[in-house]
Amino acid sequence: TRRQWARRLRSARPWLLAVGGVGLVALAGW
């Protein structure tokens, strides 16, 4: 189960970083 979650997190990392970046840009703009 842990390996499964680790693989999912690795695959989702680019998306999480992108969402975080958008959030930071939105916050800075605000």
PDB file of all heavy atoms in Angstrom:
ATOM      1  N   THR A   1       0.838  -1.215   0.000  1.00  0.00           N
ATOM      2  CA  THR A   1       0.000   0.000   0.000  1.00  0.00           C
ATOM      3  C   THR A   1       0.867   1.257   0.000  1.00  0.00           C
ATOM      4  O   THR A   1       0.601   2.230  -0.712  1.00  0.00           O
ATOM      5  CB  THR A   1      -0.921   0.003   1.231  1.00  0.00           C
ATOM      6  OG1 THR A   1      -1.750  -1.165   1.206  1.00  0.00           O
ATOM      7  CG2 THR A   1      -1.806   1.250   1.253  1.00  0.00           C
ATOM      8  N   ARG A   2       1.933   1.232   0.803  1.00  0.00           N
ATOM      9  CA  ARG A   2       2.830   2.389   0.857  1.00  0.00           C
ATOM     10  C   ARG A   2       3.502   2.634  -0.486  1.00  0.00           C
ATOM     11  O   ARG A   2       3.666   3.779  -0.912  1.00  0.00           O
ATOM     12  CB  ARG A   2       3.883   2.172   1.939  1.00  0.00           C
ATOM     13  CG  ARG A   2       3.326   2.264   3.353  1.00  0.00           C
ATOM     14  CD  ARG A   2       4.395   1.939   4.370  1.00  0.00           C
ATOM     15  NE  ARG A   2       3.887   2.051   5.732  1.00  0.00           N
ATOM     16  CZ  ARG A   2       4.558   1.702   6.813  1.00  0.00           C
ATOM     17  NH1 ARG A   2       5.788   1.163   6.669  1.00  0.00           N
ATOM     18  NH2 ARG A   2       4.022   1.830   8.015  1.00  0.00           N
ATOM     19  N   ARG A   3       3.922   1.526  -1.148  1.00  0.00           N
ATOM     20  CA  ARG A   3       4.562   1.684  -2.463  1.00  0.00           C
ATOM     21  C   ARG A   3       3.579   2.273  -3.467  1.00  0.00           C
ATOM     22  O   ARG A   3       3.933   3.088  -4.302  1.00  0.00           O
ATOM     23  CB  ARG A   3       5.114   0.335  -2.943  1.00  0.00           C
ATOM     24  CG  ARG A   3       6.367  -0.123  -2.204  1.00  0.00           C
ATOM     25  CD  ARG A   3       7.075  -1.240  -2.973  1.00  0.00           C
ATOM     26  NE  ARG A   3       6.253  -2.450  -3.039  1.00  0.00           N
ATOM     27  CZ  ARG A   3       6.270  -3.414  -2.124  1.00  0.00           C
ATOM     28  NH1 ARG A   3       7.080  -3.317  -1.074  1.00  0.00           N
ATOM     29  NH2 ARG A   3       5.497  -4.481  -2.251  1.00  0.00           N
ATOM     30  N   GLN A   4       2.309   1.803  -3.374  1.00  0.00           N
ATOM     31  CA  GLN A   4       1.276   2.327  -4.274  1.00  0.00           C
ATOM     32  C   GLN A   4       1.111   3.838  -4.105  1.00  0.00           C
ATOM     33  O   GLN A   4       1.039   4.594  -5.067  1.00  0.00           O
ATOM     34  CB  GLN A   4      -0.062   1.617  -3.985  1.00  0.00           C
ATOM     35  CG  GLN A   4      -0.117   0.190  -4.461  1.00  0.00           C
ATOM     36  CD  GLN A   4      -0.378   0.124  -5.955  1.00  0.00           C
ATOM     37  OE1 GLN A   4       0.527   0.353  -6.775  1.00  0.00           O
ATOM     38  NE2 GLN A   4      -1.623  -0.180  -6.314  1.00  0.00           N
ATOM     39  N   TRP A   5       1.032   4.283  -2.834  1.00  0.00           N
ATOM     40  CA  TRP A   5       0.869   5.719  -2.570  1.00  0.00           C
ATOM     41  C   TRP A   5       2.109   6.506  -3.010  1.00  0.00           C
ATOM     42  O   TRP A   5       1.998   7.628  -3.515  1.00  0.00           O
ATOM     43  CB  TRP A   5       0.621   5.942  -1.073  1.00  0.00           C
ATOM     44  CG  TRP A   5      -0.826   5.802  -0.693  1.00  0.00           C
ATOM     45  CD1 TRP A   5      -1.404   4.792   0.001  1.00  0.00           C
ATOM     46  CD2 TRP A   5      -1.870   6.711  -1.049  1.00  0.00           C
ATOM     47  NE1 TRP A   5      -2.755   4.990   0.120  1.00  0.00           N
ATOM     48  CE2 TRP A   5      -3.074   6.176  -0.526  1.00  0.00           C
ATOM     49  CE3 TRP A   5      -1.925   7.896  -1.767  1.00  0.00           C
ATOM     50  CZ2 TRP A   5      -4.298   6.798  -0.666  1.00  0.00           C
ATOM     51  CZ3 TRP A   5      -3.154   8.528  -1.926  1.00  0.00           C
ATOM     52  CH2 TRP A   5      -4.321   7.975  -1.384  1.00  0.00           C
ATOM     53  N   ALA A   6       3.276   5.923  -2.838  1.00  0.00           N
ATOM     54  CA  ALA A   6       4.505   6.615  -3.248  1.00  0.00           C
ATOM     55  C   ALA A   6       4.520   6.831  -4.750  1.00  0.00           C
ATOM     56  O   ALA A   6       4.903   7.896  -5.251  1.00  0.00           O
ATOM     57  CB  ALA A   6       5.733   5.820  -2.805  1.00  0.00           C
ATOM     58  N   ARG A   7       4.096   5.761  -5.505  1.00  0.00           N
ATOM     59  CA  ARG A   7       4.067   5.910  -6.965  1.00  0.00           C
ATOM     60  C   ARG A   7       3.052   6.975  -7.376  1.00  0.00           C
ATOM     61  O   ARG A   7       3.286   7.764  -8.288  1.00  0.00           O
ATOM     62  CB  ARG A   7       3.739   4.558  -7.604  1.00  0.00           C
ATOM     63  CG  ARG A   7       4.908   3.584  -7.628  1.00  0.00           C
ATOM     64  CD  ARG A   7       4.639   2.437  -8.596  1.00  0.00           C
ATOM     65  NE  ARG A   7       3.498   1.628  -8.154  1.00  0.00           N
ATOM     66  CZ  ARG A   7       3.613   0.572  -7.356  1.00  0.00           C
ATOM     67  NH1 ARG A   7       4.806   0.209  -6.898  1.00  0.00           N
ATOM     68  NH2 ARG A   7       2.539  -0.131  -7.007  1.00  0.00           N
ATOM     69  N   ARG A   8       1.909   6.977  -6.718  1.00  0.00           N
ATOM     70  CA  ARG A   8       0.884   7.966  -7.061  1.00  0.00           C
ATOM     71  C   ARG A   8       1.357   9.402  -6.776  1.00  0.00           C
ATOM     72  O   ARG A   8       1.095  10.319  -7.552  1.00  0.00           O
ATOM     73  CB  ARG A   8      -0.398   7.677  -6.279  1.00  0.00           C
ATOM     74  CG  ARG A   8      -1.109   6.416  -6.732  1.00  0.00           C
ATOM     75  CD  ARG A   8      -2.262   6.084  -5.816  1.00  0.00           C
ATOM     76  NE  ARG A   8      -2.901   4.829  -6.205  1.00  0.00           N
ATOM     77  CZ  ARG A   8      -3.857   4.235  -5.496  1.00  0.00           C
ATOM     78  NH1 ARG A   8      -4.274   4.787  -4.356  1.00  0.00           N
ATOM     79  NH2 ARG A   8      -4.395   3.112  -5.932  1.00  0.00           N
ATOM     80  N   LEU A   9       2.036   9.574  -5.636  1.00  0.00           N
ATOM     81  CA  LEU A   9       2.534  10.910  -5.298  1.00  0.00           C
ATOM     82  C   LEU A   9       3.594  11.382  -6.288  1.00  0.00           C
ATOM     83  O   LEU A   9       3.630  12.545  -6.682  1.00  0.00           O
ATOM     84  CB  LEU A   9       3.114  10.911  -3.876  1.00  0.00           C
ATOM     85  CG  LEU A   9       2.094  10.847  -2.736  1.00  0.00           C
ATOM     86  CD1 LEU A   9       2.797  10.708  -1.396  1.00  0.00           C
ATOM     87  CD2 LEU A   9       1.218  12.113  -2.735  1.00  0.00           C
ATOM     88  N   ARG A  10       4.482  10.424  -6.704  1.00  0.00           N
ATOM     89  CA  ARG A  10       5.506  10.810  -7.687  1.00  0.00           C
ATOM     90  C   ARG A  10       4.877  11.225  -8.994  1.00  0.00           C
ATOM     91  O   ARG A  10       5.288  12.186  -9.631  1.00  0.00           O
ATOM     92  CB  ARG A  10       6.491   9.653  -7.898  1.00  0.00           C
ATOM     93  CG  ARG A  10       7.507   9.481  -6.771  1.00  0.00           C
ATOM     94  CD  ARG A  10       8.676   8.608  -7.228  1.00  0.00           C
ATOM     95  NE  ARG A  10       8.219   7.249  -7.540  1.00  0.00           N
ATOM     96  CZ  ARG A  10       8.143   6.273  -6.658  1.00  0.00           C
ATOM     97  NH1 ARG A  10       8.491   6.489  -5.392  1.00  0.00           N
ATOM     98  NH2 ARG A  10       7.724   5.058  -7.016  1.00  0.00           N
ATOM     99  N   SER A  11       3.869  10.500  -9.407  1.00  0.00           N
ATOM    100  CA  SER A  11       3.224  10.843 -10.676  1.00  0.00           C
ATOM    101  C   SER A  11       2.415  12.134 -10.568  1.00  0.00           C
ATOM    102  O   SER A  11       2.240  12.861 -11.546  1.00  0.00           O
ATOM    103  CB  SER A  11       2.325   9.687 -11.130  1.00  0.00           C
ATOM    104  OG  SER A  11       1.298   9.454 -10.171  1.00  0.00           O
ATOM    105  N   ALA A  12       1.907  12.410  -9.359  1.00  0.00           N
ATOM    106  CA  ALA A  12       1.085  13.615  -9.185  1.00  0.00           C
ATOM    107  C   ALA A  12       1.923  14.852  -8.859  1.00  0.00           C
ATOM    108  O   ALA A  12       1.404  15.972  -8.886  1.00  0.00           O
ATOM    109  CB  ALA A  12       0.065  13.388  -8.063  1.00  0.00           C
ATOM    110  N   ARG A  13       3.227  14.670  -8.551  1.00  0.00           N
ATOM    111  CA  ARG A  13       4.056  15.806  -8.132  1.00  0.00           C
ATOM    112  C   ARG A  13       4.054  16.963  -9.122  1.00  0.00           C
ATOM    113  O   ARG A  13       3.911  18.119  -8.717  1.00  0.00           O
ATOM    114  CB  ARG A  13       5.481  15.320  -7.860  1.00  0.00           C
ATOM    115  CG  ARG A  13       6.399  16.415  -7.322  1.00  0.00           C
ATOM    116  CD  ARG A  13       7.759  15.849  -6.967  1.00  0.00           C
ATOM    117  NE  ARG A  13       7.635  14.866  -5.894  1.00  0.00           N
ATOM    118  CZ  ARG A  13       8.639  14.078  -5.512  1.00  0.00           C
ATOM    119  NH1 ARG A  13       9.814  14.135  -6.139  1.00  0.00           N
ATOM    120  NH2 ARG A  13       8.470  13.216  -4.529  1.00  0.00           N
ATOM    121  N   PRO A  14       4.232  16.693 -10.441  1.00  0.00           N
ATOM    122  CA  PRO A  14       4.210  17.831 -11.376  1.00  0.00           C
ATOM    123  C   PRO A  14       2.915  18.621 -11.301  1.00  0.00           C
ATOM    124  O   PRO A  14       2.918  19.858 -11.399  1.00  0.00           O
ATOM    125  CB  PRO A  14       4.404  17.164 -12.744  1.00  0.00           C
ATOM    126  CG  PRO A  14       5.089  15.869 -12.436  1.00  0.00           C
ATOM    127  CD  PRO A  14       4.514  15.421 -11.136  1.00  0.00           C
ATOM    128  N   TRP A  15       1.798  17.906 -11.143  1.00  0.00           N
ATOM    129  CA  TRP A  15       0.510  18.596 -11.051  1.00  0.00           C
ATOM    130  C   TRP A  15       0.408  19.399  -9.761  1.00  0.00           C
ATOM    131  O   TRP A  15      -0.101  20.533  -9.766  1.00  0.00           O
ATOM    132  CB  TRP A  15      -0.634  17.575 -11.129  1.00  0.00           C
ATOM    133  CG  TRP A  15      -0.726  16.911 -12.455  1.00  0.00           C
ATOM    134  CD1 TRP A  15      -0.263  15.688 -12.818  1.00  0.00           C
ATOM    135  CD2 TRP A  15      -1.318  17.470 -13.631  1.00  0.00           C
ATOM    136  NE1 TRP A  15      -0.514  15.425 -14.136  1.00  0.00           N
ATOM    137  CE2 TRP A  15      -1.167  16.500 -14.665  1.00  0.00           C
ATOM    138  CE3 TRP A  15      -1.962  18.679 -13.913  1.00  0.00           C
ATOM    139  CZ2 TRP A  15      -1.639  16.725 -15.967  1.00  0.00           C
ATOM    140  CZ3 TRP A  15      -2.436  18.903 -15.195  1.00  0.00           C
ATOM    141  CH2 TRP A  15      -2.265  17.936 -16.214  1.00  0.00           C
ATOM    142  N   LEU A  16       0.887  18.820  -8.680  1.00  0.00           N
ATOM    143  CA  LEU A  16       0.845  19.546  -7.404  1.00  0.00           C
ATOM    144  C   LEU A  16       1.704  20.814  -7.448  1.00  0.00           C
ATOM    145  O   LEU A  16       1.310  21.869  -6.945  1.00  0.00           O
ATOM    146  CB  LEU A  16       1.339  18.634  -6.274  1.00  0.00           C
ATOM    147  CG  LEU A  16       0.435  17.450  -5.926  1.00  0.00           C
ATOM    148  CD1 LEU A  16       1.114  16.539  -4.907  1.00  0.00           C
ATOM    149  CD2 LEU A  16      -0.916  17.934  -5.387  1.00  0.00           C
ATOM    150  N   LEU A  17       2.897  20.683  -8.070  1.00  0.00           N
ATOM    151  CA  LEU A  17       3.767  21.852  -8.199  1.00  0.00           C
ATOM    152  C   LEU A  17       3.122  22.925  -9.066  1.00  0.00           C
ATOM    153  O   LEU A  17       3.209  24.125  -8.785  1.00  0.00           O
ATOM    154  CB  LEU A  17       5.116  21.442  -8.782  1.00  0.00           C
ATOM    155  CG  LEU A  17       6.005  20.577  -7.875  1.00  0.00           C
ATOM    156  CD1 LEU A  17       7.260  20.128  -8.619  1.00  0.00           C
ATOM    157  CD2 LEU A  17       6.389  21.349  -6.615  1.00  0.00           C
ATOM    158  N   ALA A  18       2.481  22.479 -10.152  1.00  0.00           N
ATOM    159  CA  ALA A  18       1.822  23.439 -11.043  1.00  0.00           C
ATOM    160  C   ALA A  18       0.703  24.166 -10.323  1.00  0.00           C
ATOM    161  O   ALA A  18       0.559  25.396 -10.417  1.00  0.00           O
ATOM    162  CB  ALA A  18       1.285  22.718 -12.279  1.00  0.00           C
ATOM    163  N   VAL A  19      -0.106  23.394  -9.584  1.00  0.00           N
ATOM    164  CA  VAL A  19      -1.205  24.016  -8.833  1.00  0.00           C
ATOM    165  C   VAL A  19      -0.663  24.976  -7.777  1.00  0.00           C
ATOM    166  O   VAL A  19      -1.182  26.089  -7.581  1.00  0.00           O
ATOM    167  CB  VAL A  19      -2.078  22.924  -8.179  1.00  0.00           C
ATOM    168  CG1 VAL A  19      -3.083  23.554  -7.215  1.00  0.00           C
ATOM    169  CG2 VAL A  19      -2.811  22.133  -9.251  1.00  0.00           C
ATOM    170  N   GLY A  20       0.412  24.551  -7.086  1.00  0.00           N
ATOM    171  CA  GLY A  20       1.018  25.430  -6.081  1.00  0.00           C
ATOM    172  C   GLY A  20       1.552  26.699  -6.701  1.00  0.00           C
ATOM    173  O   GLY A  20       1.413  27.791  -6.143  1.00  0.00           O
ATOM    174  N   GLY A  21       2.193  26.575  -7.892  1.00  0.00           N
ATOM    175  CA  GLY A  21       2.715  27.753  -8.567  1.00  0.00           C
ATOM    176  C   GLY A  21       1.620  28.716  -8.955  1.00  0.00           C
ATOM    177  O   GLY A  21       1.741  29.940  -8.784  1.00  0.00           O
ATOM    178  N   VAL A  22       0.530  28.163  -9.476  1.00  0.00           N
ATOM    179  CA  VAL A  22      -0.611  29.016  -9.847  1.00  0.00           C
ATOM    180  C   VAL A  22      -1.151  29.734  -8.609  1.00  0.00           C
ATOM    181  O   VAL A  22      -1.502  30.911  -8.646  1.00  0.00           O
ATOM    182  CB  VAL A  22      -1.714  28.182 -10.529  1.00  0.00           C
ATOM    183  CG1 VAL A  22      -2.985  28.996 -10.688  1.00  0.00           C
ATOM    184  CG2 VAL A  22      -1.226  27.681 -11.878  1.00  0.00           C
ATOM    185  N   GLY A  23      -1.195  28.995  -7.483  1.00  0.00           N
ATOM    186  CA  GLY A  23      -1.692  29.596  -6.249  1.00  0.00           C
ATOM    187  C   GLY A  23      -0.815  30.742  -5.781  1.00  0.00           C
ATOM    188  O   GLY A  23      -1.309  31.785  -5.354  1.00  0.00           O
ATOM    189  N   LEU A  24       0.503  30.554  -5.883  1.00  0.00           N
ATOM    190  CA  LEU A  24       1.417  31.612  -5.477  1.00  0.00           C
ATOM    191  C   LEU A  24       1.279  32.848  -6.366  1.00  0.00           C
ATOM    192  O   LEU A  24       1.301  33.983  -5.899  1.00  0.00           O
ATOM    193  CB  LEU A  24       2.865  31.106  -5.504  1.00  0.00           C
ATOM    194  CG  LEU A  24       3.251  30.120  -4.403  1.00  0.00           C
ATOM    195  CD1 LEU A  24       4.661  29.590  -4.635  1.00  0.00           C
ATOM    196  CD2 LEU A  24       3.161  30.794  -3.036  1.00  0.00           C
ATOM    197  N   VAL A  25       1.150  32.601  -7.675  1.00  0.00           N
ATOM    198  CA  VAL A  25       0.963  33.723  -8.606  1.00  0.00           C
ATOM    199  C   VAL A  25      -0.326  34.458  -8.293  1.00  0.00           C
ATOM    200  O   VAL A  25      -0.384  35.690  -8.284  1.00  0.00           O
ATOM    201  CB  VAL A  25       0.972  33.218 -10.064  1.00  0.00           C
ATOM    202  CG1 VAL A  25       0.547  34.335 -11.017  1.00  0.00           C
ATOM    203  CG2 VAL A  25       2.351  32.700 -10.437  1.00  0.00           C
ATOM    204  N   ALA A  26      -1.379  33.690  -8.016  1.00  0.00           N
ATOM    205  CA  ALA A  26      -2.660  34.311  -7.695  1.00  0.00           C
ATOM    206  C   ALA A  26      -2.563  35.128  -6.412  1.00  0.00           C
ATOM    207  O   ALA A  26      -3.090  36.240  -6.321  1.00  0.00           O
ATOM    208  CB  ALA A  26      -3.740  33.239  -7.560  1.00  0.00           C
ATOM    209  N   LEU A  27      -1.850  34.573  -5.412  1.00  0.00           N
ATOM    210  CA  LEU A  27      -1.685  35.295  -4.153  1.00  0.00           C
ATOM    211  C   LEU A  27      -0.886  36.575  -4.346  1.00  0.00           C
ATOM    212  O   LEU A  27      -1.231  37.630  -3.822  1.00  0.00           O
ATOM    213  CB  LEU A  27      -0.988  34.388  -3.136  1.00  0.00           C
ATOM    214  CG  LEU A  27      -0.684  35.025  -1.763  1.00  0.00           C
ATOM    215  CD1 LEU A  27      -1.988  35.436  -1.079  1.00  0.00           C
ATOM    216  CD2 LEU A  27       0.107  34.053  -0.885  1.00  0.00           C
ATOM    217  N   ALA A  28       0.212  36.474  -5.130  1.00  0.00           N
ATOM    218  CA  ALA A  28       1.029  37.662  -5.390  1.00  0.00           C
ATOM    219  C   ALA A  28       0.224  38.722  -6.126  1.00  0.00           C
ATOM    220  O   ALA A  28       0.306  39.917  -5.832  1.00  0.00           O
ATOM    221  CB  ALA A  28       2.269  37.276  -6.205  1.00  0.00           C
ATOM    222  N   GLY A  29      -0.577  38.285  -7.097  1.00  0.00           N
ATOM    223  CA  GLY A  29      -1.405  39.236  -7.828  1.00  0.00           C
ATOM    224  C   GLY A  29      -2.430  39.893  -6.929  1.00  0.00           C
ATOM    225  O   GLY A  29      -2.693  41.101  -7.035  1.00  0.00           O
ATOM    226  N   TRP A  30      -2.980  39.091  -6.011  1.00  0.00           N
ATOM    227  CA  TRP A  30      -3.962  39.657  -5.086  1.00  0.00           C
ATOM    228  C   TRP A  30      -3.320  40.703  -4.177  1.00  0.00           C
ATOM    229  O   TRP A  30      -3.860  41.776  -3.942  1.00  0.00           O
ATOM    230  CB  TRP A  30      -4.565  38.526  -4.256  1.00  0.00           C
ATOM    231  CG  TRP A  30      -5.595  39.011  -3.269  1.00  0.00           C
ATOM    232  CD1 TRP A  30      -6.870  39.383  -3.517  1.00  0.00           C
ATOM    233  CD2 TRP A  30      -5.391  39.179  -1.862  1.00  0.00           C
ATOM    234  NE1 TRP A  30      -7.493  39.774  -2.360  1.00  0.00           N
ATOM    235  CE2 TRP A  30      -6.607  39.652  -1.324  1.00  0.00           C
ATOM    236  CE3 TRP A  30      -4.306  38.963  -1.011  1.00  0.00           C
ATOM    237  CZ2 TRP A  30      -6.763  39.930   0.026  1.00  0.00           C
ATOM    238  CZ3 TRP A  30      -4.467  39.233   0.339  1.00  0.00           C
ATOM    239  CH2 TRP A  30      -5.682  39.707   0.840  1.00  0.00           C
TER     240      TRP A  30
END
